[in-house]
Protein backbone atom coordinates (compact mmCIF):
# COMPACT_ATOMS: atom_id res chain seq x y z
CA MET A 1 -31.45 -17.73 4.91
CA ARG A 2 -28.65 -17.33 2.38
CA PHE A 3 -29.65 -13.69 1.72
CA ARG A 4 -29.71 -12.93 5.47
CA PHE A 5 -26.28 -14.52 5.90
CA VAL A 6 -24.79 -12.46 3.06
CA LEU A 7 -26.44 -9.33 4.46
CA LEU A 8 -24.96 -9.96 7.90
CA ILE A 9 -21.49 -10.42 6.40
CA ALA A 10 -21.85 -7.16 4.46
CA VAL A 11 -22.95 -5.29 7.59
CA PHE A 12 -20.02 -6.72 9.55
CA LEU A 13 -17.49 -5.67 6.91
CA CYS A 14 -19.02 -2.19 6.70
CA PHE A 15 -18.84 -1.83 10.48
CA HIS A 16 -15.26 -3.10 10.52
CA VAL A 17 -14.12 -0.58 7.91
CA THR A 18 -16.04 2.31 9.52
CA ALA A 19 -14.60 1.52 12.95
CA SER A 20 -11.07 1.35 11.56
CA LEU A 21 -11.44 4.79 9.96
CA ALA A 22 -12.75 6.35 13.18
CA ALA A 23 -9.91 5.01 15.32
CA SER A 24 -6.68 6.73 16.27
CA TYR A 25 -3.35 5.16 15.36
CA LYS A 26 0.27 5.12 16.42
CA LEU A 27 3.52 3.81 14.93
CA GLU A 28 5.66 1.03 16.39
CA ALA A 29 8.93 -0.40 15.10
CA VAL A 30 9.19 -3.99 13.87
CA SER A 31 12.68 -5.47 14.25
CA SER A 32 12.21 -8.68 12.26
CA SER A 33 11.63 -9.39 8.57
CA PRO A 34 8.23 -10.65 7.44
CA GLU A 35 7.75 -14.40 7.20
CA GLY A 36 6.54 -15.83 3.91
CA LEU A 37 8.58 -13.54 1.65
CA SER A 38 10.77 -15.08 -1.06
CA ALA A 39 14.48 -15.40 -0.38
CA SER A 40 15.23 -13.10 -3.32
CA LEU A 41 13.10 -10.22 -2.01
CA LYS A 42 13.83 -10.35 1.71
CA PRO A 43 17.40 -8.90 1.45
CA LEU A 44 16.00 -5.91 -0.45
CA LEU A 45 13.95 -4.68 2.51
CA GLN A 46 15.07 -2.33 5.25
CA PRO A 47 15.88 -4.26 8.43
CA GLU A 48 13.24 -2.37 10.39
CA GLY A 49 9.56 -2.40 9.53
CA TYR A 50 6.60 -0.41 10.85
CA LYS A 51 3.49 -1.52 12.70
CA ILE A 52 0.32 0.56 12.57
CA VAL A 53 -1.52 0.08 15.88
CA ASN A 54 -4.97 1.45 16.77
CA ASP A 55 -6.04 3.00 20.08
CA GLN A 56 -7.20 -0.41 21.34
CA GLY A 57 -3.71 -1.86 20.88
CA ALA A 58 -4.67 -3.95 17.83
CA THR A 59 -2.40 -4.06 14.80
CA TRP A 60 -4.00 -2.74 11.61
CA CYS A 61 -1.09 -3.55 9.30
CA GLN A 62 2.67 -3.81 9.07
CA VAL A 63 4.87 -2.28 6.37
CA TRP A 64 8.43 -2.87 5.21
CA ILE A 65 10.11 -0.58 2.64
CA ARG A 66 12.96 -1.35 0.26
CA LYS A 67 16.48 -0.22 1.13
CA GLU A 68 17.14 1.07 -2.38
CA ILE A 69 14.97 1.53 -5.46
CA ALA A 70 16.50 1.82 -8.92
CA ASN A 71 15.65 5.03 -10.75
CA ALA A 72 15.42 4.19 -14.44
CA GLY A 73 14.94 7.86 -15.33
CA LYS A 74 11.62 7.08 -16.99
CA PRO A 75 8.74 8.56 -14.94
CA ALA A 76 5.45 6.70 -15.35
CA SER A 77 3.74 10.00 -16.18
CA PRO A 78 4.68 13.69 -16.46
CA ASP A 79 2.16 14.24 -13.64
CA ALA A 80 3.55 11.54 -11.33
CA LYS A 81 4.61 12.75 -7.90
CA TYR A 82 7.15 9.93 -7.69
CA PRO A 83 9.16 10.30 -10.92
CA ALA A 84 11.88 7.95 -9.64
CA LEU A 85 9.46 5.00 -9.77
CA HIS A 86 8.30 3.06 -12.80
CA LEU A 87 5.23 0.88 -13.37
CA GLY A 88 5.41 -2.49 -11.67
CA GLN A 89 8.37 -1.64 -9.45
CA LEU A 90 8.43 -3.14 -5.97
CA VAL A 91 8.16 -0.47 -3.26
CA GLY A 92 7.87 -2.76 -0.24
CA VAL A 93 5.53 -5.22 1.41
CA MET A 94 2.43 -4.93 3.61
CA LYS A 95 1.02 -7.47 6.03
CA PHE A 96 -2.47 -7.75 7.48
CA ASP A 97 -2.74 -9.97 10.56
CA GLY A 98 -6.52 -9.65 10.51
CA ALA A 99 -9.05 -8.53 7.93
CA GLY A 100 -7.90 -5.31 6.24
CA SER A 101 -9.17 -3.01 3.52
CA ASP A 102 -7.77 -0.98 0.66
CA TYR A 103 -8.29 2.62 -0.48
CA ARG A 104 -11.50 1.61 -2.26
CA GLY A 105 -12.86 0.05 0.94
CA GLN A 106 -12.48 -3.47 -0.44
CA SER A 107 -11.91 -6.19 2.13
CA ILE A 108 -8.39 -7.66 2.10
CA LYS A 109 -7.76 -11.07 3.62
CA PRO A 110 -5.07 -11.55 6.29
CA GLY A 111 -1.71 -12.24 4.69
CA LEU A 112 1.50 -10.82 3.26
CA TYR A 113 1.39 -8.68 0.11
CA THR A 114 3.96 -7.06 -2.12
CA MET A 115 3.37 -3.42 -3.04
CA ARG A 116 4.00 -2.59 -6.69
CA TYR A 117 3.88 0.92 -8.10
CA CYS A 118 1.15 1.97 -10.51
CA LEU A 119 -0.85 5.03 -11.61
CA ILE A 120 -4.56 5.63 -11.39
CA LEU A 121 -6.31 5.44 -14.74
CA GLN A 122 -6.69 8.94 -16.13
CA ASP A 123 -10.25 8.71 -17.40
CA GLY A 124 -13.68 10.03 -16.42
CA ASN A 125 -14.40 7.07 -14.15
CA HIS A 126 -11.44 7.82 -11.89
CA LEU A 127 -11.26 11.62 -12.05
CA GLY A 128 -10.73 13.03 -8.56
CA ALA A 129 -10.77 9.56 -6.97
CA ALA A 130 -7.47 10.15 -5.17
CA PRO A 131 -5.33 13.12 -4.08
CA ILE A 132 -2.53 12.15 -6.49
CA LEU A 133 -2.14 9.72 -9.40
CA ASP A 134 0.45 7.53 -7.66
CA PHE A 135 -0.41 4.41 -5.70
CA VAL A 136 0.71 0.85 -5.08
CA LEU A 137 -1.22 -2.31 -5.81
CA LEU A 138 -1.17 -5.23 -3.41
CA VAL A 139 -0.19 -8.65 -4.76
CA PRO A 140 -0.21 -11.83 -2.63
CA ALA A 141 3.47 -12.41 -1.83
CA GLY A 142 3.19 -16.10 -2.69
CA GLU A 143 1.83 -15.18 -6.14
CA ASP A 144 4.47 -12.56 -6.97
CA SER A 145 7.40 -14.03 -8.88
CA LYS A 146 8.35 -10.84 -10.71
CA GLU A 147 11.75 -9.19 -10.32
CA ALA A 148 11.81 -6.30 -7.86
CA ASP A 149 12.60 -3.74 -10.57
CA ALA A 150 10.50 -5.33 -13.29
CA THR A 151 8.67 -3.00 -15.65
CA LEU A 152 5.07 -4.17 -16.00
CA SER A 153 2.11 -2.84 -17.92
CA THR A 154 -0.89 -1.51 -16.04
CA GLU A 155 -2.85 -4.54 -17.22
CA GLU A 156 -0.23 -6.94 -15.84
CA ILE A 157 -0.13 -5.30 -12.41
CA VAL A 158 -3.92 -5.11 -12.18
CA ALA A 159 -4.24 -8.80 -13.08
CA LEU A 160 -1.81 -9.73 -10.32
CA SER A 161 -3.52 -7.48 -7.80
CA ARG A 162 -6.97 -8.95 -8.43
CA LYS A 163 -5.63 -12.04 -6.66
CA ALA A 164 -5.40 -9.90 -3.51
CA SER A 165 -8.85 -8.32 -3.77
CA GLY A 166 -10.74 -11.32 -5.12
CA THR A 167 -12.79 -8.90 -7.26
CA ASN A 168 -12.56 -7.35 -10.72
CA HIS A 169 -10.77 -4.40 -9.15
CA PRO A 170 -7.16 -4.40 -7.94
CA ALA A 171 -6.30 -3.94 -4.26
CA VAL A 172 -5.30 -0.27 -4.11
CA ILE A 173 -3.17 1.50 -1.49
CA ASN A 174 -2.85 5.15 -2.37
CA LEU A 175 0.33 7.12 -1.95
CA ALA A 176 0.40 10.59 -0.43
CA PRO A 177 2.53 13.44 -1.78
CA PRO A 178 6.21 12.86 -0.96
CA PRO A 179 6.93 14.18 2.54
CA GLU A 180 9.35 17.09 2.70
CA ALA A 181 11.44 15.36 5.34
CA ALA A 182 11.34 11.72 6.35
CA ASP A 183 14.66 11.14 8.09
CA LYS A 184 12.65 9.55 10.88
CA ALA A 185 9.57 7.45 10.16
CA ALA A 186 6.33 9.08 11.24
CA LEU A 187 2.58 8.43 11.15
CA GLU A 188 0.42 11.51 10.67
CA LYS A 189 -3.24 12.27 10.01
CA ASP A 190 -3.83 14.51 6.99
CA ASP A 191 -6.63 16.97 6.20
CA SER A 192 -8.72 14.19 4.62
CA ASP A 193 -8.60 12.06 7.80
CA HIS A 194 -6.13 9.68 6.13
CA TRP A 195 -3.33 8.21 8.23
CA VAL A 196 -0.09 8.59 6.28
CA LEU A 197 3.06 6.59 6.96
CA LYS A 198 6.05 8.78 6.09
CA VAL A 199 9.27 6.87 5.46
CA LYS A 200 12.43 7.11 3.38
CA SER A 201 14.15 4.83 0.92
CA GLN A 202 17.09 5.54 -1.38
CA ALA A 203 16.86 5.96 -5.13
CA LYS A 204 19.82 4.56 -7.07
CA PRO A 205 22.02 6.35 -7.98
CA ALA A 206 22.30 7.90 -4.52
CA ALA A 207 19.37 10.19 -3.75
CA ALA A 208 16.89 10.32 -0.91
CA LEU A 209 13.45 8.94 -1.78
CA PRO A 210 10.85 10.02 0.80
CA ILE A 211 7.57 8.11 0.49
CA GLY A 212 4.12 8.75 1.94
CA ILE A 213 1.72 5.79 2.12
CA ILE A 214 -1.95 6.12 3.08
CA VAL A 215 -2.12 3.12 5.41
CA VAL A 216 -5.56 3.96 6.82
CA GLY A 217 -8.16 5.80 4.76
CA ARG A 218 -10.42 5.38 1.79
CA ALA A 219 -11.67 7.28 -1.23
CA GLU A 220 -14.58 9.63 -0.65
CA GLY A 221 -17.92 8.87 -2.22
């Protein structure tokens, strides 16, 4: 009986992820800040967030981006597509009202998560796993006490993110190449059937920082 129960749960999760990938999505504005975020982080977010809604009217996730992000002038890698960001830096927050999933297809529980910048490991196990090296890791908001512009090691960020995935792997949300223009937020489907949220923050000192986030989609294979 236990095996059958586990099998049914696995089938349900697989169906849920497959259905979410096959759906069509649209973008809606969110006028209020997310509940459950620390008082120190909430003022850092843009006043308007973004809701990703499927063709059945159900919300897949919500995203809020920082107003400004400090550019320390130390890119995480010469190959990084977002040289203004450094490892561990807060990019924004993401909320799942229902069961969600990350870029690896891992199930993510409903809740509010911070998004901290990281790079994919550049080894044989991860070669070609994503279109670019840059991504964010989800961390349960209630478990994230780090400063917004903290510099963290890959090991530190991964350890925090495992609390979101509940597995040995972090909860990964891949970034897309920076959009050429993101004066107005947009949600677009790319050539890999990923749905990309295109938004803009500001890098300090003053410079536009367009960001592309793969909000729906998973790694191939």
